[in-house]
Amino acid sequence: MAKASDGPIGDSPALSSLIADAAARRGPPPVHLWNPPFCGDIDMRIARDGSWHYGGSPIARPALVKLFASVLRRDAERFVLVTPAEMVGIAVEDAPFVGVELSGDPQGGLRIRTNLDEWVEIGDAHPLRFEPGPAGALKPYALVRGDLWALVGRPVFYELAALGEVRERDGKDVFGIASGPSFFPMMDAADLGAVGPDPALG
């Protein structure tokens, strides 16, 4: 296993510039408004478990990871770290965030906390979606911001499923998750018991 380290991050001019720009800002940066030149891909990767890696080594400092995440954007071609002056591409194995905690209730609304301690209010602005996984399993996701999603971890998946209910949609019964006035179908009610979470979920 690679040793957790910030490694050569400080030696990278592109990353040093990104860090300096992000650190100088207050509040969420308006990354959706920026269109700087693309400066190429860098050796940075977000693993399926939500950990960030640079140069083959995990990034050890949570504050640094949160700083990078604050300037992360999903474009049509790739995931990028972006500032008003430059943009670099990074690799993401699945989703950039992981849902690690659930709170609230279906009537009052559900909230999911990401691995970077960002709480998301589940609803029309931050929907849930359920994608097919291996062998008929399900991979649940929650929208965090922009086109950046959190892969919901196994414990939270089971908590969500325990709160699920059957409703009629388009003339058939579906099982899904309610959060306040919003409802997110998970599967046909007839398939209950035959579908579970993706075994690879953490």
N, C-alpha and C. Protein backbone atom coordinates (compact mmCIF):
# COMPACT_ATOMS: atom_id res chain seq x y z
N MET A 1 0.85 -1.20 0.00
CA MET A 1 0.00 0.00 0.00
C MET A 1 0.88 1.25 0.00
N ALA A 2 0.49 2.22 -0.80
CA ALA A 2 1.27 3.44 -0.87
C ALA A 2 1.16 4.20 0.44
N LYS A 3 2.22 4.82 0.82
CA LYS A 3 2.23 5.61 2.05
C LYS A 3 1.42 6.88 1.87
N ALA A 4 0.57 7.19 2.84
CA ALA A 4 -0.23 8.40 2.77
C ALA A 4 0.68 9.61 2.87
N SER A 5 0.60 10.48 1.86
CA SER A 5 1.52 11.61 1.82
C SER A 5 0.98 12.67 0.89
N ASP A 6 1.35 13.92 1.13
CA ASP A 6 1.05 14.97 0.18
C ASP A 6 2.09 14.97 -0.92
N GLY A 7 3.15 14.20 -0.75
CA GLY A 7 4.13 13.95 -1.79
C GLY A 7 4.56 15.20 -2.53
N PRO A 8 4.56 15.11 -3.88
CA PRO A 8 5.07 16.22 -4.69
C PRO A 8 4.04 17.26 -5.02
N ILE A 9 2.90 17.30 -4.29
CA ILE A 9 1.86 18.28 -4.62
C ILE A 9 2.42 19.69 -4.62
N GLY A 10 3.18 20.01 -3.60
CA GLY A 10 3.73 21.36 -3.52
C GLY A 10 4.71 21.68 -4.61
N ASP A 11 5.24 20.66 -5.30
CA ASP A 11 6.20 20.88 -6.37
C ASP A 11 5.52 21.06 -7.72
N SER A 12 4.20 20.86 -7.79
CA SER A 12 3.48 20.99 -9.05
C SER A 12 2.99 22.42 -9.21
N PRO A 13 3.46 23.15 -10.22
CA PRO A 13 3.01 24.54 -10.41
C PRO A 13 1.50 24.64 -10.59
N ALA A 14 0.90 23.68 -11.35
CA ALA A 14 -0.54 23.74 -11.58
C ALA A 14 -1.30 23.58 -10.28
N LEU A 15 -0.90 22.60 -9.46
CA LEU A 15 -1.61 22.38 -8.20
C LEU A 15 -1.33 23.48 -7.20
N SER A 16 -0.11 24.00 -7.18
CA SER A 16 0.20 25.10 -6.27
C SER A 16 -0.69 26.30 -6.58
N SER A 17 -0.90 26.57 -7.87
CA SER A 17 -1.77 27.68 -8.27
C SER A 17 -3.21 27.42 -7.87
N LEU A 18 -3.68 26.17 -8.07
CA LEU A 18 -5.04 25.82 -7.68
C LEU A 18 -5.24 25.98 -6.17
N ILE A 19 -4.26 25.49 -5.39
CA ILE A 19 -4.36 25.57 -3.94
C ILE A 19 -4.40 27.03 -3.48
N ALA A 20 -3.53 27.84 -4.04
CA ALA A 20 -3.47 29.25 -3.64
C ALA A 20 -4.77 29.97 -3.97
N ASP A 21 -5.32 29.70 -5.16
CA ASP A 21 -6.56 30.37 -5.56
C ASP A 21 -7.72 29.93 -4.69
N ALA A 22 -7.85 28.60 -4.47
CA ALA A 22 -8.97 28.09 -3.68
C ALA A 22 -8.89 28.55 -2.24
N ALA A 23 -7.67 28.57 -1.68
CA ALA A 23 -7.50 28.95 -0.28
C ALA A 23 -7.83 30.42 -0.05
N ALA A 24 -7.68 31.25 -1.08
CA ALA A 24 -7.92 32.69 -0.93
C ALA A 24 -9.39 33.05 -1.01
N ARG A 25 -10.23 32.10 -1.41
CA ARG A 25 -11.65 32.40 -1.59
C ARG A 25 -12.45 32.09 -0.33
N ARG A 26 -13.56 32.82 -0.19
CA ARG A 26 -14.50 32.57 0.90
C ARG A 26 -15.81 32.07 0.30
N GLY A 27 -16.34 31.01 0.85
CA GLY A 27 -17.57 30.46 0.33
C GLY A 27 -17.33 29.59 -0.89
N PRO A 28 -18.38 28.93 -1.39
CA PRO A 28 -18.24 28.05 -2.55
C PRO A 28 -17.82 28.84 -3.79
N PRO A 29 -16.77 28.43 -4.48
CA PRO A 29 -16.35 29.15 -5.68
C PRO A 29 -17.31 28.89 -6.83
N PRO A 30 -17.56 29.88 -7.68
CA PRO A 30 -18.50 29.72 -8.80
C PRO A 30 -17.84 29.00 -9.98
N VAL A 31 -17.48 27.74 -9.78
CA VAL A 31 -16.72 27.02 -10.82
C VAL A 31 -17.51 26.88 -12.11
N HIS A 32 -18.85 26.91 -12.03
CA HIS A 32 -19.67 26.77 -13.24
C HIS A 32 -19.56 27.99 -14.16
N LEU A 33 -19.04 29.09 -13.65
CA LEU A 33 -18.92 30.31 -14.44
C LEU A 33 -17.55 30.45 -15.11
N TRP A 34 -16.60 29.61 -14.73
CA TRP A 34 -15.23 29.78 -15.21
C TRP A 34 -14.97 28.96 -16.46
N ASN A 35 -14.26 29.55 -17.41
CA ASN A 35 -13.92 28.85 -18.65
C ASN A 35 -12.46 29.12 -19.02
N PRO A 36 -11.54 28.69 -18.15
CA PRO A 36 -10.11 28.94 -18.43
C PRO A 36 -9.57 27.92 -19.42
N PRO A 37 -8.35 28.12 -19.90
CA PRO A 37 -7.75 27.13 -20.82
C PRO A 37 -7.48 25.81 -20.10
N PHE A 38 -7.64 24.70 -20.85
CA PHE A 38 -7.34 23.38 -20.31
C PHE A 38 -5.84 23.15 -20.39
N CYS A 39 -5.23 22.79 -19.25
CA CYS A 39 -3.78 22.65 -19.16
C CYS A 39 -3.33 21.18 -19.15
N GLY A 40 -4.25 20.25 -19.48
CA GLY A 40 -3.87 18.85 -19.52
C GLY A 40 -4.29 18.09 -18.28
N ASP A 41 -4.11 16.78 -18.33
CA ASP A 41 -4.43 15.92 -17.20
C ASP A 41 -3.27 15.86 -16.23
N ILE A 42 -3.58 15.68 -14.95
CA ILE A 42 -2.55 15.47 -13.93
C ILE A 42 -2.77 14.09 -13.30
N ASP A 43 -1.78 13.61 -12.59
CA ASP A 43 -1.83 12.27 -12.00
C ASP A 43 -2.57 12.30 -10.67
N MET A 44 -3.84 12.68 -10.74
CA MET A 44 -4.69 12.70 -9.53
C MET A 44 -5.90 11.83 -9.79
N ARG A 45 -6.32 11.08 -8.77
CA ARG A 45 -7.40 10.12 -8.92
C ARG A 45 -8.26 10.09 -7.66
N ILE A 46 -9.59 10.03 -7.86
CA ILE A 46 -10.52 9.79 -6.76
C ILE A 46 -10.95 8.33 -6.86
N ALA A 47 -10.59 7.53 -5.86
CA ALA A 47 -10.91 6.11 -5.87
C ALA A 47 -12.39 5.88 -5.58
N ARG A 48 -12.84 4.68 -5.81
CA ARG A 48 -14.24 4.33 -5.60
C ARG A 48 -14.68 4.57 -4.16
N ASP A 49 -13.75 4.42 -3.21
CA ASP A 49 -14.10 4.63 -1.80
C ASP A 49 -14.08 6.10 -1.39
N GLY A 50 -13.86 7.00 -2.35
CA GLY A 50 -13.87 8.43 -2.07
C GLY A 50 -12.53 9.02 -1.68
N SER A 51 -11.48 8.19 -1.56
CA SER A 51 -10.16 8.70 -1.21
C SER A 51 -9.50 9.34 -2.43
N TRP A 52 -8.70 10.38 -2.17
CA TRP A 52 -8.00 11.11 -3.23
C TRP A 52 -6.53 10.69 -3.25
N HIS A 53 -5.97 10.55 -4.44
CA HIS A 53 -4.59 10.11 -4.61
C HIS A 53 -3.89 11.02 -5.60
N TYR A 54 -2.61 11.27 -5.33
CA TYR A 54 -1.79 12.06 -6.25
C TYR A 54 -0.44 11.38 -6.41
N GLY A 55 -0.04 11.18 -7.65
CA GLY A 55 1.25 10.53 -7.90
C GLY A 55 1.31 9.12 -7.34
N GLY A 56 0.16 8.44 -7.24
CA GLY A 56 0.14 7.08 -6.74
C GLY A 56 0.02 6.95 -5.23
N SER A 57 0.00 8.08 -4.50
CA SER A 57 -0.07 8.05 -3.03
C SER A 57 -1.34 8.74 -2.55
N PRO A 58 -1.96 8.21 -1.48
CA PRO A 58 -3.14 8.90 -0.92
C PRO A 58 -2.77 10.29 -0.41
N ILE A 59 -3.67 11.23 -0.59
CA ILE A 59 -3.47 12.57 -0.04
C ILE A 59 -3.89 12.53 1.43
N ALA A 60 -2.96 12.83 2.31
CA ALA A 60 -3.15 12.57 3.73
C ALA A 60 -4.00 13.64 4.44
N ARG A 61 -3.98 14.86 3.96
CA ARG A 61 -4.60 15.96 4.70
C ARG A 61 -6.05 16.17 4.26
N PRO A 62 -7.02 15.92 5.15
CA PRO A 62 -8.43 16.14 4.79
C PRO A 62 -8.71 17.56 4.32
N ALA A 63 -8.04 18.55 4.93
CA ALA A 63 -8.28 19.94 4.54
C ALA A 63 -7.87 20.18 3.09
N LEU A 64 -6.80 19.52 2.66
CA LEU A 64 -6.34 19.68 1.29
C LEU A 64 -7.31 19.01 0.32
N VAL A 65 -7.82 17.83 0.70
CA VAL A 65 -8.81 17.15 -0.13
C VAL A 65 -10.06 18.02 -0.29
N LYS A 66 -10.54 18.61 0.81
CA LYS A 66 -11.72 19.46 0.74
C LYS A 66 -11.46 20.69 -0.12
N LEU A 67 -10.24 21.19 -0.10
CA LEU A 67 -9.88 22.33 -0.92
C LEU A 67 -9.96 21.97 -2.40
N PHE A 68 -9.40 20.82 -2.76
CA PHE A 68 -9.49 20.36 -4.15
C PHE A 68 -10.95 20.12 -4.54
N ALA A 69 -11.72 19.48 -3.64
CA ALA A 69 -13.11 19.18 -3.95
C ALA A 69 -13.93 20.44 -4.19
N SER A 70 -13.54 21.55 -3.56
CA SER A 70 -14.29 22.79 -3.72
C SER A 70 -14.15 23.37 -5.12
N VAL A 71 -13.10 22.97 -5.87
CA VAL A 71 -12.92 23.47 -7.24
C VAL A 71 -13.06 22.34 -8.26
N LEU A 72 -13.75 21.27 -7.85
CA LEU A 72 -14.00 20.15 -8.75
C LEU A 72 -15.26 20.42 -9.57
N ARG A 73 -15.19 20.05 -10.86
CA ARG A 73 -16.33 20.23 -11.75
C ARG A 73 -16.39 19.05 -12.72
N ARG A 74 -17.60 18.68 -13.12
CA ARG A 74 -17.77 17.65 -14.15
C ARG A 74 -18.14 18.32 -15.45
N ASP A 75 -17.26 18.20 -16.45
CA ASP A 75 -17.55 18.68 -17.79
C ASP A 75 -17.98 17.49 -18.65
N ALA A 76 -18.36 17.77 -19.88
CA ALA A 76 -18.84 16.71 -20.75
C ALA A 76 -17.77 15.64 -20.99
N GLU A 77 -16.52 16.05 -21.07
CA GLU A 77 -15.44 15.13 -21.42
C GLU A 77 -14.74 14.52 -20.23
N ARG A 78 -14.76 15.21 -19.07
CA ARG A 78 -13.90 14.78 -17.97
C ARG A 78 -14.27 15.50 -16.67
N PHE A 79 -13.67 15.01 -15.57
CA PHE A 79 -13.68 15.75 -14.31
C PHE A 79 -12.48 16.68 -14.31
N VAL A 80 -12.67 17.90 -13.82
CA VAL A 80 -11.58 18.88 -13.81
C VAL A 80 -11.53 19.62 -12.48
N LEU A 81 -10.31 20.06 -12.13
CA LEU A 81 -10.11 21.05 -11.09
C LEU A 81 -9.95 22.38 -11.82
N VAL A 82 -10.68 23.40 -11.39
CA VAL A 82 -10.75 24.62 -12.20
C VAL A 82 -10.66 25.86 -11.33
N THR A 83 -9.95 26.86 -11.84
CA THR A 83 -9.90 28.20 -11.27
C THR A 83 -10.13 29.17 -12.43
N PRO A 84 -10.25 30.46 -12.15
CA PRO A 84 -10.43 31.40 -13.27
C PRO A 84 -9.27 31.38 -14.26
N ALA A 85 -8.08 30.92 -13.84
CA ALA A 85 -6.90 31.00 -14.69
C ALA A 85 -6.57 29.71 -15.43
N GLU A 86 -6.92 28.55 -14.87
CA GLU A 86 -6.52 27.29 -15.50
C GLU A 86 -7.43 26.15 -15.08
N MET A 87 -7.31 25.06 -15.84
CA MET A 87 -8.14 23.89 -15.61
C MET A 87 -7.30 22.65 -15.91
N VAL A 88 -7.36 21.64 -15.00
CA VAL A 88 -6.62 20.40 -15.20
C VAL A 88 -7.57 19.23 -15.00
N GLY A 89 -7.34 18.14 -15.75
CA GLY A 89 -8.19 16.97 -15.67
C GLY A 89 -7.70 15.97 -14.64
N ILE A 90 -8.64 15.29 -13.98
CA ILE A 90 -8.30 14.24 -13.03
C ILE A 90 -9.16 13.01 -13.33
N ALA A 91 -8.80 11.86 -12.77
CA ALA A 91 -9.55 10.62 -12.97
C ALA A 91 -10.45 10.35 -11.78
N VAL A 92 -11.65 9.85 -12.04
CA VAL A 92 -12.60 9.48 -11.00
C VAL A 92 -13.08 8.07 -11.30
N GLU A 93 -12.86 7.13 -10.38
CA GLU A 93 -13.18 5.73 -10.64
C GLU A 93 -14.68 5.49 -10.71
N ASP A 94 -15.47 6.16 -9.88
CA ASP A 94 -16.92 5.98 -9.92
C ASP A 94 -17.59 7.32 -9.74
N ALA A 95 -17.80 7.74 -8.51
CA ALA A 95 -18.35 9.06 -8.21
C ALA A 95 -17.34 9.80 -7.33
N PRO A 96 -17.34 11.13 -7.37
CA PRO A 96 -16.33 11.87 -6.59
C PRO A 96 -16.57 11.88 -5.09
N PHE A 97 -17.79 11.56 -4.66
CA PHE A 97 -18.10 11.55 -3.23
C PHE A 97 -18.74 10.22 -2.84
N VAL A 98 -18.78 9.95 -1.53
CA VAL A 98 -19.44 8.77 -0.99
C VAL A 98 -20.42 9.22 0.09
N GLY A 99 -21.64 8.70 0.03
CA GLY A 99 -22.62 8.98 1.08
C GLY A 99 -22.40 8.07 2.27
N VAL A 100 -22.12 8.65 3.44
CA VAL A 100 -21.70 7.85 4.59
C VAL A 100 -22.65 7.92 5.78
N GLU A 101 -23.62 8.83 5.76
CA GLU A 101 -24.53 8.95 6.91
C GLU A 101 -25.88 9.48 6.44
N LEU A 102 -26.94 8.96 7.05
CA LEU A 102 -28.30 9.37 6.71
C LEU A 102 -28.97 9.96 7.95
N SER A 103 -29.73 11.02 7.77
CA SER A 103 -30.50 11.58 8.86
C SER A 103 -31.86 12.03 8.33
N GLY A 104 -32.75 12.38 9.24
CA GLY A 104 -34.09 12.83 8.86
C GLY A 104 -35.05 11.69 8.69
N ASP A 105 -36.20 11.99 8.08
CA ASP A 105 -37.23 10.98 7.85
C ASP A 105 -37.95 11.32 6.56
N PRO A 106 -38.66 10.34 5.97
CA PRO A 106 -39.32 10.59 4.68
C PRO A 106 -40.31 11.75 4.71
N GLN A 107 -41.04 11.92 5.80
CA GLN A 107 -42.04 12.98 5.84
C GLN A 107 -41.38 14.36 5.89
N GLY A 108 -40.43 14.53 6.78
CA GLY A 108 -39.79 15.83 6.93
C GLY A 108 -38.65 16.08 5.96
N GLY A 109 -38.14 15.03 5.36
CA GLY A 109 -37.02 15.16 4.42
C GLY A 109 -35.79 14.44 4.92
N LEU A 110 -35.06 13.84 3.99
CA LEU A 110 -33.84 13.10 4.30
C LEU A 110 -32.61 13.93 3.96
N ARG A 111 -31.54 13.67 4.70
CA ARG A 111 -30.25 14.32 4.45
C ARG A 111 -29.17 13.25 4.43
N ILE A 112 -28.23 13.41 3.53
CA ILE A 112 -27.09 12.49 3.45
C ILE A 112 -25.80 13.28 3.62
N ARG A 113 -24.90 12.76 4.46
CA ARG A 113 -23.59 13.38 4.66
C ARG A 113 -22.57 12.64 3.78
N THR A 114 -21.74 13.42 3.11
CA THR A 114 -20.71 12.81 2.29
C THR A 114 -19.45 12.54 3.11
N ASN A 115 -18.52 11.82 2.51
CA ASN A 115 -17.25 11.54 3.17
C ASN A 115 -16.43 12.79 3.42
N LEU A 116 -16.80 13.91 2.81
CA LEU A 116 -16.11 15.19 3.04
C LEU A 116 -16.94 16.11 3.93
N ASP A 117 -17.88 15.52 4.69
CA ASP A 117 -18.67 16.24 5.69
C ASP A 117 -19.56 17.32 5.10
N GLU A 118 -20.07 17.07 3.90
CA GLU A 118 -21.03 17.98 3.28
C GLU A 118 -22.41 17.34 3.36
N TRP A 119 -23.37 18.05 3.96
CA TRP A 119 -24.72 17.54 4.09
C TRP A 119 -25.54 17.94 2.87
N VAL A 120 -26.31 16.99 2.35
CA VAL A 120 -27.12 17.21 1.15
C VAL A 120 -28.59 16.95 1.51
N GLU A 121 -29.44 17.91 1.23
CA GLU A 121 -30.88 17.76 1.46
C GLU A 121 -31.48 17.04 0.25
N ILE A 122 -31.94 15.81 0.45
CA ILE A 122 -32.47 15.02 -0.65
C ILE A 122 -33.83 15.58 -1.07
N GLY A 123 -33.97 15.86 -2.36
CA GLY A 123 -35.20 16.42 -2.89
C GLY A 123 -35.03 16.65 -4.38
N ASP A 124 -35.90 17.45 -4.98
CA ASP A 124 -35.84 17.66 -6.42
C ASP A 124 -34.51 18.30 -6.85
N ALA A 125 -33.94 19.16 -6.00
CA ALA A 125 -32.67 19.80 -6.34
C ALA A 125 -31.48 18.87 -6.12
N HIS A 126 -31.66 17.88 -5.26
CA HIS A 126 -30.60 16.91 -4.96
C HIS A 126 -31.22 15.51 -4.95
N PRO A 127 -31.51 14.99 -6.14
CA PRO A 127 -32.25 13.72 -6.20
C PRO A 127 -31.39 12.50 -5.91
N LEU A 128 -32.09 11.40 -5.68
CA LEU A 128 -31.48 10.08 -5.64
C LEU A 128 -31.66 9.42 -7.00
N ARG A 129 -30.71 8.59 -7.39
CA ARG A 129 -30.90 7.76 -8.58
C ARG A 129 -30.33 6.38 -8.28
N PHE A 130 -30.85 5.38 -8.94
CA PHE A 130 -30.45 4.00 -8.71
C PHE A 130 -30.06 3.37 -10.04
N GLU A 131 -28.78 2.98 -10.14
CA GLU A 131 -28.26 2.42 -11.38
C GLU A 131 -28.08 0.91 -11.23
N PRO A 132 -28.21 0.16 -12.33
CA PRO A 132 -27.96 -1.28 -12.26
C PRO A 132 -26.50 -1.58 -11.99
N GLY A 133 -26.24 -2.54 -11.11
CA GLY A 133 -24.89 -2.98 -10.81
C GLY A 133 -24.70 -4.42 -11.26
N PRO A 134 -23.61 -5.05 -10.86
CA PRO A 134 -23.35 -6.43 -11.27
C PRO A 134 -24.43 -7.39 -10.77
N ALA A 135 -24.76 -8.37 -11.61
CA ALA A 135 -25.68 -9.45 -11.23
C ALA A 135 -27.02 -8.93 -10.73
N GLY A 136 -27.51 -7.86 -11.34
CA GLY A 136 -28.81 -7.33 -10.96
C GLY A 136 -28.83 -6.50 -9.71
N ALA A 137 -27.66 -6.20 -9.13
CA ALA A 137 -27.60 -5.38 -7.92
C ALA A 137 -27.88 -3.91 -8.28
N LEU A 138 -28.03 -3.09 -7.24
CA LEU A 138 -28.28 -1.67 -7.43
C LEU A 138 -27.13 -0.83 -6.90
N LYS A 139 -26.85 0.27 -7.61
CA LYS A 139 -25.88 1.26 -7.15
C LYS A 139 -26.63 2.57 -6.95
N PRO A 140 -26.80 3.00 -5.70
CA PRO A 140 -27.53 4.24 -5.42
C PRO A 140 -26.59 5.45 -5.39
N TYR A 141 -27.11 6.57 -5.89
CA TYR A 141 -26.34 7.81 -5.93
C TYR A 141 -27.22 8.96 -5.44
N ALA A 142 -26.57 9.98 -4.86
CA ALA A 142 -27.25 11.22 -4.47
C ALA A 142 -26.50 12.39 -5.09
N LEU A 143 -27.23 13.32 -5.70
CA LEU A 143 -26.61 14.48 -6.32
C LEU A 143 -26.14 15.45 -5.25
N VAL A 144 -24.87 15.83 -5.31
CA VAL A 144 -24.31 16.77 -4.34
C VAL A 144 -24.39 18.19 -4.86
N ARG A 145 -23.80 18.44 -6.03
CA ARG A 145 -23.90 19.76 -6.66
C ARG A 145 -23.43 19.64 -8.10
N GLY A 146 -23.90 20.58 -8.93
CA GLY A 146 -23.53 20.52 -10.34
C GLY A 146 -23.89 19.16 -10.90
N ASP A 147 -22.92 18.50 -11.53
CA ASP A 147 -23.11 17.11 -11.98
C ASP A 147 -22.19 16.20 -11.18
N LEU A 148 -22.03 16.51 -9.90
CA LEU A 148 -21.17 15.73 -9.01
C LEU A 148 -22.06 14.92 -8.07
N TRP A 149 -21.89 13.58 -8.09
CA TRP A 149 -22.74 12.68 -7.33
C TRP A 149 -21.96 11.98 -6.24
N ALA A 150 -22.68 11.52 -5.24
CA ALA A 150 -22.11 10.68 -4.19
C ALA A 150 -22.64 9.26 -4.36
N LEU A 151 -21.74 8.30 -4.40
CA LEU A 151 -22.13 6.90 -4.37
C LEU A 151 -22.53 6.55 -2.94
N VAL A 152 -23.76 6.12 -2.74
CA VAL A 152 -24.26 5.85 -1.39
C VAL A 152 -23.69 4.52 -0.90
N GLY A 153 -23.02 4.53 0.26
CA GLY A 153 -22.41 3.34 0.82
C GLY A 153 -23.44 2.33 1.29
N ARG A 154 -22.99 1.10 1.49
CA ARG A 154 -23.89 0.01 1.84
C ARG A 154 -24.73 0.28 3.09
N PRO A 155 -24.14 0.76 4.22
CA PRO A 155 -24.99 0.99 5.41
C PRO A 155 -26.11 1.99 5.14
N VAL A 156 -25.80 3.07 4.40
CA VAL A 156 -26.81 4.08 4.10
C VAL A 156 -27.84 3.51 3.13
N PHE A 157 -27.41 2.67 2.19
CA PHE A 157 -28.34 2.03 1.27
C PHE A 157 -29.38 1.23 2.05
N TYR A 158 -28.93 0.43 3.03
CA TYR A 158 -29.87 -0.37 3.81
C TYR A 158 -30.81 0.51 4.63
N GLU A 159 -30.31 1.61 5.14
CA GLU A 159 -31.17 2.53 5.88
C GLU A 159 -32.23 3.13 4.96
N LEU A 160 -31.82 3.52 3.75
CA LEU A 160 -32.78 4.05 2.78
C LEU A 160 -33.84 3.00 2.44
N ALA A 161 -33.39 1.77 2.17
CA ALA A 161 -34.32 0.71 1.79
C ALA A 161 -35.34 0.46 2.90
N ALA A 162 -34.90 0.57 4.16
CA ALA A 162 -35.81 0.34 5.28
C ALA A 162 -36.89 1.42 5.37
N LEU A 163 -36.63 2.58 4.76
CA LEU A 163 -37.59 3.69 4.77
C LEU A 163 -38.45 3.71 3.52
N GLY A 164 -38.21 2.78 2.61
CA GLY A 164 -38.90 2.78 1.32
C GLY A 164 -40.37 2.43 1.45
N GLU A 165 -41.11 2.75 0.39
CA GLU A 165 -42.54 2.47 0.34
C GLU A 165 -42.96 2.22 -1.10
N VAL A 166 -44.13 1.62 -1.24
CA VAL A 166 -44.67 1.32 -2.57
C VAL A 166 -45.68 2.39 -2.95
N ARG A 167 -45.53 2.93 -4.16
CA ARG A 167 -46.48 3.91 -4.70
C ARG A 167 -46.79 3.53 -6.15
N GLU A 168 -47.91 4.02 -6.61
CA GLU A 168 -48.28 3.78 -8.00
C GLU A 168 -47.71 4.86 -8.90
N ARG A 169 -47.05 4.45 -9.93
CA ARG A 169 -46.48 5.36 -10.92
C ARG A 169 -46.76 4.82 -12.31
N ASP A 170 -47.42 5.63 -13.14
CA ASP A 170 -47.71 5.25 -14.52
C ASP A 170 -48.41 3.89 -14.59
N GLY A 171 -49.34 3.66 -13.68
CA GLY A 171 -50.16 2.47 -13.73
C GLY A 171 -49.54 1.22 -13.16
N LYS A 172 -48.37 1.34 -12.52
CA LYS A 172 -47.78 0.15 -11.89
C LYS A 172 -47.20 0.53 -10.54
N ASP A 173 -47.08 -0.47 -9.68
CA ASP A 173 -46.55 -0.25 -8.34
C ASP A 173 -45.03 -0.26 -8.36
N VAL A 174 -44.43 0.77 -7.77
CA VAL A 174 -42.98 0.85 -7.69
C VAL A 174 -42.57 1.06 -6.25
N PHE A 175 -41.42 0.55 -5.90
CA PHE A 175 -40.84 0.75 -4.58
C PHE A 175 -39.82 1.87 -4.68
N GLY A 176 -39.88 2.81 -3.75
CA GLY A 176 -38.96 3.93 -3.82
C GLY A 176 -38.80 4.63 -2.48
N ILE A 177 -38.10 5.75 -2.52
CA ILE A 177 -37.76 6.52 -1.32
C ILE A 177 -38.41 7.88 -1.38
N ALA A 178 -39.15 8.23 -0.35
CA ALA A 178 -39.73 9.57 -0.24
C ALA A 178 -38.84 10.45 0.62
N SER A 179 -38.75 11.72 0.21
CA SER A 179 -38.03 12.72 1.02
C SER A 179 -38.82 14.01 0.91
N GLY A 180 -39.63 14.28 1.92
CA GLY A 180 -40.54 15.41 1.83
C GLY A 180 -41.52 15.17 0.69
N PRO A 181 -41.74 16.16 -0.17
CA PRO A 181 -42.70 15.98 -1.27
C PRO A 181 -42.14 15.18 -2.45
N SER A 182 -40.86 14.86 -2.43
CA SER A 182 -40.22 14.17 -3.55
C SER A 182 -40.26 12.65 -3.35
N PHE A 183 -40.31 11.93 -4.46
CA PHE A 183 -40.31 10.47 -4.42
C PHE A 183 -39.39 9.95 -5.52
N PHE A 184 -38.50 9.02 -5.14
CA PHE A 184 -37.50 8.51 -6.07
C PHE A 184 -37.66 7.00 -6.23
N PRO A 185 -38.22 6.55 -7.37
CA PRO A 185 -38.42 5.11 -7.59
C PRO A 185 -37.09 4.36 -7.58
N MET A 186 -37.10 3.20 -6.93
CA MET A 186 -35.92 2.35 -6.88
C MET A 186 -36.06 1.14 -7.79
N MET A 187 -37.25 0.50 -7.78
CA MET A 187 -37.46 -0.70 -8.57
C MET A 187 -38.95 -1.00 -8.63
N ASP A 188 -39.34 -1.88 -9.55
CA ASP A 188 -40.72 -2.36 -9.55
C ASP A 188 -41.00 -3.09 -8.24
N ALA A 189 -42.19 -2.87 -7.71
CA ALA A 189 -42.54 -3.52 -6.44
C ALA A 189 -42.48 -5.03 -6.56
N ALA A 190 -42.72 -5.55 -7.75
CA ALA A 190 -42.68 -7.01 -7.96
C ALA A 190 -41.29 -7.58 -7.78
N ASP A 191 -40.26 -6.73 -7.88
CA ASP A 191 -38.88 -7.20 -7.77
C ASP A 191 -38.35 -7.13 -6.35
N LEU A 192 -39.16 -6.68 -5.40
CA LEU A 192 -38.69 -6.58 -4.02
C LEU A 192 -38.21 -7.95 -3.53
N GLY A 193 -37.07 -7.97 -2.90
CA GLY A 193 -36.50 -9.21 -2.39
C GLY A 193 -35.55 -9.87 -3.37
N ALA A 194 -35.64 -9.47 -4.65
CA ALA A 194 -34.76 -10.07 -5.66
C ALA A 194 -33.58 -9.19 -5.98
N VAL A 195 -33.59 -7.94 -5.50
CA VAL A 195 -32.52 -6.99 -5.83
C VAL A 195 -31.93 -6.47 -4.54
N GLY A 196 -30.61 -6.40 -4.48
CA GLY A 196 -29.91 -5.86 -3.31
C GLY A 196 -28.87 -4.87 -3.76
N PRO A 197 -28.05 -4.37 -2.83
CA PRO A 197 -27.02 -3.40 -3.18
C PRO A 197 -25.86 -4.08 -3.90
N ASP A 198 -25.15 -3.31 -4.67
CA ASP A 198 -23.93 -3.79 -5.33
C ASP A 198 -23.00 -4.33 -4.24
N PRO A 199 -22.51 -5.56 -4.35
CA PRO A 199 -21.62 -6.12 -3.32
C PRO A 199 -20.35 -5.30 -3.12
N ALA A 200 -19.98 -4.52 -4.11
CA ALA A 200 -18.75 -3.73 -3.99
C ALA A 200 -18.92 -2.46 -3.17
N LEU A 201 -20.17 -2.11 -2.80
CA LEU A 201 -20.36 -0.91 -1.98
C LEU A 201 -19.66 -1.09 -0.65
N GLY A 202 -19.01 -0.02 -0.19
CA GLY A 202 -18.31 -0.09 1.09
C GLY A 202 -19.25 -0.10 2.27
